[in-house]
C-alpha atoms as a PDB file:
ATOM      1  CA  SER A   1     -43.542   8.976   2.915  1.00  0.00           C
ATOM      2  CA  HIS A   2     -44.129  11.497   0.139  1.00  0.00           C
ATOM      3  CA  ALA A   3     -41.114  13.586   1.139  1.00  0.00           C
ATOM      4  CA  THR A   4     -38.800  10.586   0.877  1.00  0.00           C
ATOM      5  CA  MET A   5     -40.143   9.538  -2.512  1.00  0.00           C
ATOM      6  CA  ALA A   6     -39.994  13.100  -3.806  1.00  0.00           C
ATOM      7  CA  ALA A   7     -36.258  13.156  -3.150  1.00  0.00           C
ATOM      8  CA  PHE A   8     -35.856  10.380  -5.744  1.00  0.00           C
ATOM      9  CA  ALA A   9     -38.300  11.722  -8.327  1.00  0.00           C
ATOM     10  CA  PRO A  10     -37.142  14.125 -11.050  1.00  0.00           C
ATOM     11  CA  THR A  11     -38.209  17.628 -10.197  1.00  0.00           C
ATOM     12  CA  SER A  12     -37.629  21.093 -11.486  1.00  0.00           C
ATOM     13  CA  SER A  13     -37.476  22.366  -7.931  1.00  0.00           C
ATOM     14  CA  ALA A  14     -33.986  22.527  -6.459  1.00  0.00           C
ATOM     15  CA  ARG A  15     -35.231  22.280  -2.879  1.00  0.00           C
ATOM     16  CA  PHE A  16     -34.245  18.580  -2.628  1.00  0.00           C
ATOM     17  CA  ALA A  17     -30.881  18.965  -4.352  1.00  0.00           C
ATOM     18  CA  PRO A  18     -27.858  19.774  -2.190  1.00  0.00           C
ATOM     19  CA  THR A  19     -26.489  23.169  -3.106  1.00  0.00           C
ATOM     20  CA  ASP A  20     -22.832  22.671  -2.307  1.00  0.00           C
ATOM     21  CA  SER A  21     -20.290  19.890  -2.727  1.00  0.00           C
ATOM     22  CA  THR A  22     -20.018  19.336   1.045  1.00  0.00           C
ATOM     23  CA  SER A  23     -23.727  18.487   1.282  1.00  0.00           C
ATOM     24  CA  ARG A  24     -23.514  16.174  -1.732  1.00  0.00           C
ATOM     25  CA  ALA A  25     -20.506  14.394  -0.229  1.00  0.00           C
ATOM     26  CA  ALA A  26     -22.324  13.978   3.095  1.00  0.00           C
ATOM     27  CA  LEU A  27     -25.303  12.381   1.336  1.00  0.00           C
ATOM     28  CA  ALA A  28     -23.053  10.056  -0.675  1.00  0.00           C
ATOM     29  CA  THR A  29     -20.990   8.913   2.319  1.00  0.00           C
ATOM     30  CA  LYS A  30     -22.234   5.702   3.836  1.00  0.00           C
ATOM     31  CA  GLN A  31     -21.855   5.617   7.624  1.00  0.00           C
ATOM     32  CA  GLY A  32     -23.882   3.730  10.230  1.00  0.00           C
ATOM     33  CA  GLN A  33     -27.176   1.972   9.519  1.00  0.00           C
ATOM     34  CA  ARG A  34     -28.474   2.468   5.971  1.00  0.00           C
ATOM     35  CA  ARG A  35     -31.391   1.296   3.904  1.00  0.00           C
ATOM     36  CA  THR A  36     -30.827  -1.362   1.278  1.00  0.00           C
ATOM     37  CA  VAL A  37     -28.289  -0.434  -1.381  1.00  0.00           C
ATOM     38  CA  PHE A  38     -28.739  -2.135  -4.748  1.00  0.00           C
ATOM     39  CA  PHE A  39     -25.821  -2.917  -7.047  1.00  0.00           C
ATOM     40  CA  THR A  40     -26.398  -3.001 -10.785  1.00  0.00           C
ATOM     41  CA  LYS A  41     -24.530  -3.425 -14.034  1.00  0.00           C
ATOM     42  CA  LYS A  42     -25.376  -2.199 -17.507  1.00  0.00           C
ATOM     43  CA  VAL A  43     -26.634  -5.061 -19.671  1.00  0.00           C
ATOM     44  CA  SER A  44     -27.345  -3.268 -22.961  1.00  0.00           C
ATOM     45  CA  ASP A  45     -26.551  -0.153 -24.948  1.00  0.00           C
ATOM     46  CA  LYS A  46     -30.171   0.926 -24.463  1.00  0.00           C
ATOM     47  CA  GLY A  47     -29.441   1.791 -20.840  1.00  0.00           C
ATOM     48  CA  ASN A  48     -30.960  -1.355 -19.338  1.00  0.00           C
ATOM     49  CA  TYR A  49     -29.532  -2.484 -16.011  1.00  0.00           C
ATOM     50  CA  ALA A  50     -29.672  -5.752 -14.064  1.00  0.00           C
ATOM     51  CA  ARG A  51     -29.409  -6.065 -10.310  1.00  0.00           C
ATOM     52  CA  THR A  52     -26.212  -7.864  -9.273  1.00  0.00           C
ATOM     53  CA  GLY A  53     -26.834  -7.777  -5.534  1.00  0.00           C
ATOM     54  CA  GLN A  54     -28.167  -5.901  -2.564  1.00  0.00           C
ATOM     55  CA  TYR A  55     -26.790  -5.064   0.888  1.00  0.00           C
ATOM     56  CA  LEU A  56     -28.693  -4.061   4.004  1.00  0.00           C
ATOM     57  CA  GLY A  57     -26.692  -3.248   7.089  1.00  0.00           C
ATOM     58  CA  GLU A  58     -24.123  -1.081   8.775  1.00  0.00           C
ATOM     59  CA  TRP A  59     -21.405   0.933   7.031  1.00  0.00           C
ATOM     60  CA  LYS A  60     -18.142   2.595   8.029  1.00  0.00           C
ATOM     61  CA  ASP A  61     -16.096   4.764   5.648  1.00  0.00           C
ATOM     62  CA  ASN A  62     -18.192   3.623   2.640  1.00  0.00           C
ATOM     63  CA  LYS A  63     -17.523  -0.070   3.386  1.00  0.00           C
ATOM     64  CA  TRP A  64     -19.764  -2.783   4.838  1.00  0.00           C
ATOM     65  CA  HIS A  65     -18.864  -2.800   8.526  1.00  0.00           C
ATOM     66  CA  GLY A  66     -20.829  -4.268  11.451  1.00  0.00           C
ATOM     67  CA  LYS A  67     -23.897  -6.452  11.018  1.00  0.00           C
ATOM     68  CA  GLY A  68     -25.357  -6.822   7.546  1.00  0.00           C
ATOM     69  CA  THR A  69     -26.886  -9.006   4.868  1.00  0.00           C
ATOM     70  CA  PHE A  70     -25.650  -9.299   1.282  1.00  0.00           C
ATOM     71  CA  GLU A  71     -27.756 -11.090  -1.308  1.00  0.00           C
ATOM     72  CA  GLN A  72     -26.315 -11.914  -4.731  1.00  0.00           C
ATOM     73  CA  ALA A  73     -28.387 -11.904  -7.920  1.00  0.00           C
ATOM     74  CA  ASN A  74     -28.300 -15.742  -7.940  1.00  0.00           C
ATOM     75  CA  GLY A  75     -30.030 -15.810  -4.531  1.00  0.00           C
ATOM     76  CA  ASN A  76     -27.004 -16.731  -2.411  1.00  0.00           C
ATOM     77  CA  ARG A  77     -27.031 -14.783   0.847  1.00  0.00           C
ATOM     78  CA  TYR A  78     -24.550 -14.013   3.650  1.00  0.00           C
ATOM     79  CA  VAL A  79     -25.961 -12.855   6.981  1.00  0.00           C
ATOM     80  CA  GLY A  80     -23.463 -11.804   9.613  1.00  0.00           C
ATOM     81  CA  GLU A  81     -20.609  -9.548  10.573  1.00  0.00           C
ATOM     82  CA  TRP A  82     -18.456  -7.441   8.238  1.00  0.00           C
ATOM     83  CA  VAL A  83     -15.179  -5.526   8.664  1.00  0.00           C
ATOM     84  CA  ASP A  84     -13.900  -3.185   5.945  1.00  0.00           C
ATOM     85  CA  GLY A  85     -16.212  -4.698   3.308  1.00  0.00           C
ATOM     86  CA  LYS A  86     -15.239  -8.335   4.003  1.00  0.00           C
ATOM     87  CA  ARG A  87     -16.917 -11.131   5.934  1.00  0.00           C
ATOM     88  CA  ASN A  88     -15.312 -11.086   9.396  1.00  0.00           C
ATOM     89  CA  GLY A  89     -16.687 -12.430  12.664  1.00  0.00           C
ATOM     90  CA  VAL A  90     -19.649 -14.768  12.899  1.00  0.00           C
ATOM     91  CA  GLY A  91     -21.928 -15.329   9.925  1.00  0.00           C
ATOM     92  CA  THR A  92     -23.922 -17.760   7.834  1.00  0.00           C
ATOM     93  CA  LEU A  93     -23.772 -18.357   4.094  1.00  0.00           C
ATOM     94  CA  PHE A  94     -26.986 -19.619   2.507  1.00  0.00           C
ATOM     95  CA  VAL A  95     -27.010 -20.903  -1.081  1.00  0.00           C
ATOM     96  CA  LYS A  96     -29.926 -21.445  -3.398  1.00  0.00           C
ATOM     97  CA  HIS A  97     -30.146 -25.093  -4.433  1.00  0.00           C
ATOM     98  CA  LYS A  98     -33.013 -26.498  -6.500  1.00  0.00           C
ATOM     99  CA  GLY A  99     -35.187 -23.525  -5.573  1.00  0.00           C
ATOM    100  CA  GLN A 100     -34.556 -23.752  -1.827  1.00  0.00           C
ATOM    101  CA  MET A 101     -32.255 -21.842   0.510  1.00  0.00           C
ATOM    102  CA  ILE A 102     -29.754 -24.197   2.162  1.00  0.00           C
ATOM    103  CA  LYS A 103     -27.348 -23.312   4.968  1.00  0.00           C
ATOM    104  CA  ARG A 104     -23.931 -23.925   3.353  1.00  0.00           C
ATOM    105  CA  TYR A 105     -21.562 -22.626   6.081  1.00  0.00           C
ATOM    106  CA  SER A 106     -22.200 -21.226   9.522  1.00  0.00           C
ATOM    107  CA  GLY A 107     -19.405 -20.091  11.804  1.00  0.00           C
ATOM    108  CA  GLN A 108     -16.433 -17.800  12.077  1.00  0.00           C
ATOM    109  CA  TRP A 109     -14.993 -15.800   9.164  1.00  0.00           C
ATOM    110  CA  VAL A 110     -11.721 -13.914   8.733  1.00  0.00           C
ATOM    111  CA  ASN A 111     -10.896 -11.830   5.662  1.00  0.00           C
ATOM    112  CA  ASP A 112     -13.845 -13.215   3.622  1.00  0.00           C
ATOM    113  CA  LEU A 113     -12.961 -16.909   4.314  1.00  0.00           C
ATOM    114  CA  PRO A 114     -14.084 -19.476   6.887  1.00  0.00           C
ATOM    115  CA  GLN A 115     -11.588 -19.414   9.750  1.00  0.00           C
ATOM    116  CA  GLY A 116     -11.981 -20.590  13.331  1.00  0.00           C
ATOM    117  CA  ARG A 117     -14.899 -22.899  14.166  1.00  0.00           C
ATOM    118  CA  GLY A 118     -17.686 -23.627  11.730  1.00  0.00           C
ATOM    119  CA  ILE A 119     -20.053 -26.125  10.155  1.00  0.00           C
ATOM    120  CA  HIS A 120     -20.053 -26.714   6.392  1.00  0.00           C
ATOM    121  CA  ASN A 121     -22.910 -28.611   4.751  1.00  0.00           C
ATOM    122  CA  TYR A 122     -21.816 -30.087   1.426  1.00  0.00           C
ATOM    123  CA  GLU A 123     -24.036 -30.461  -1.623  1.00  0.00           C
ATOM    124  CA  ASN A 124     -23.682 -34.272  -1.492  1.00  0.00           C
ATOM    125  CA  GLY A 125     -25.188 -34.412   2.036  1.00  0.00           C
ATOM    126  CA  ASP A 126     -21.929 -34.694   4.009  1.00  0.00           C
ATOM    127  CA  SER A 127     -21.152 -32.172   6.747  1.00  0.00           C
ATOM    128  CA  TYR A 128     -17.980 -31.021   8.497  1.00  0.00           C
ATOM    129  CA  ASN A 129     -18.027 -29.528  11.983  1.00  0.00           C
ATOM    130  CA  GLY A 130     -14.653 -28.266  13.112  1.00  0.00           C
ATOM    131  CA  GLU A 131     -11.776 -25.867  12.711  1.00  0.00           C
ATOM    132  CA  TRP A 132     -11.010 -23.854   9.568  1.00  0.00           C
ATOM    133  CA  LYS A 133      -8.018 -21.859   8.393  1.00  0.00           C
ATOM    134  CA  GLY A 134      -8.035 -19.711   5.252  1.00  0.00           C
ATOM    135  CA  GLY A 135     -11.190 -21.393   3.944  1.00  0.00           C
ATOM    136  CA  LEU A 136      -9.784 -24.940   4.376  1.00  0.00           C
ATOM    137  CA  ARG A 137     -10.509 -27.633   6.964  1.00  0.00           C
ATOM    138  CA  HIS A 138      -7.535 -27.327   9.292  1.00  0.00           C
ATOM    139  CA  GLY A 139      -7.352 -28.518  12.907  1.00  0.00           C
ATOM    140  CA  VAL A 140      -9.715 -30.806  14.791  1.00  0.00           C
ATOM    141  CA  GLY A 141     -13.016 -31.689  13.152  1.00  0.00           C
ATOM    142  CA  ILE A 142     -15.690 -34.267  12.466  1.00  0.00           C
ATOM    143  CA  LEU A 143     -16.764 -35.224   8.950  1.00  0.00           C
ATOM    144  CA  GLN A 144     -20.161 -36.940   8.880  1.00  0.00           C
ATOM    145  CA  CYS A 145     -20.899 -38.619   5.577  1.00  0.00           C
ATOM    146  CA  LYS A 146     -24.363 -39.060   4.163  1.00  0.00           C
ATOM    147  CA  ASP A 147     -23.763 -42.813   3.980  1.00  0.00           C
ATOM    148  CA  GLY A 148     -23.248 -42.961   7.771  1.00  0.00           C
ATOM    149  CA  GLY A 149     -19.451 -42.898   7.830  1.00  0.00           C
ATOM    150  CA  VAL A 150     -17.755 -40.621  10.361  1.00  0.00           C
ATOM    151  CA  PHE A 151     -14.187 -39.338  10.541  1.00  0.00           C
ATOM    152  CA  GLU A 152     -13.185 -37.581  13.733  1.00  0.00           C
ATOM    153  CA  GLY A 153      -9.663 -36.270  14.001  1.00  0.00           C
ATOM    154  CA  ASP A 154      -7.059 -33.880  12.712  1.00  0.00           C
ATOM    155  CA  TRP A 155      -7.128 -32.063   9.378  1.00  0.00           C
ATOM    156  CA  PHE A 156      -4.216 -30.357   7.657  1.00  0.00           C
ATOM    157  CA  ASN A 157      -4.773 -28.114   4.601  1.00  0.00           C
ATOM    158  CA  ASN A 158      -8.186 -29.685   3.883  1.00  0.00           C
ATOM    159  CA  LYS A 159      -6.929 -33.306   4.113  1.00  0.00           C
ATOM    160  CA  ARG A 160      -7.346 -35.911   6.850  1.00  0.00           C
ATOM    161  CA  HIS A 161      -4.146 -36.120   8.835  1.00  0.00           C
END
């Protein structure tokens, strides 16, 4: 709408600008569902900026919290649950490979790492379906190799046990 766009356009009128610090702080605080927030970094002394990522989802205390999607500048994308700005809960990581989006990992996350049950699809065509701990294969799982080989059993710190 025009009113929304006007809030972002430079204007000599102060009617869109908050008049006190409390109002400014309320506008800056991210809580609940928000529109996409773009992250940028300065790339030249001329004031040029490049987008480094974008997030669309729920916030709590200025951190990603709840359901949300984060897309990096390289095209990689995480869709899932967040707690205190970190991947926590169930989510899927997609990576851009040769111009296509490929599901890299889908499953449970704790503290920004795969933990619990999940499926990881490797770049070489192999896949692992099983338990994870701290981002490593750990527990019971099945590794299916592209060449047809299968290992089903226990894993300890990312190694077959």
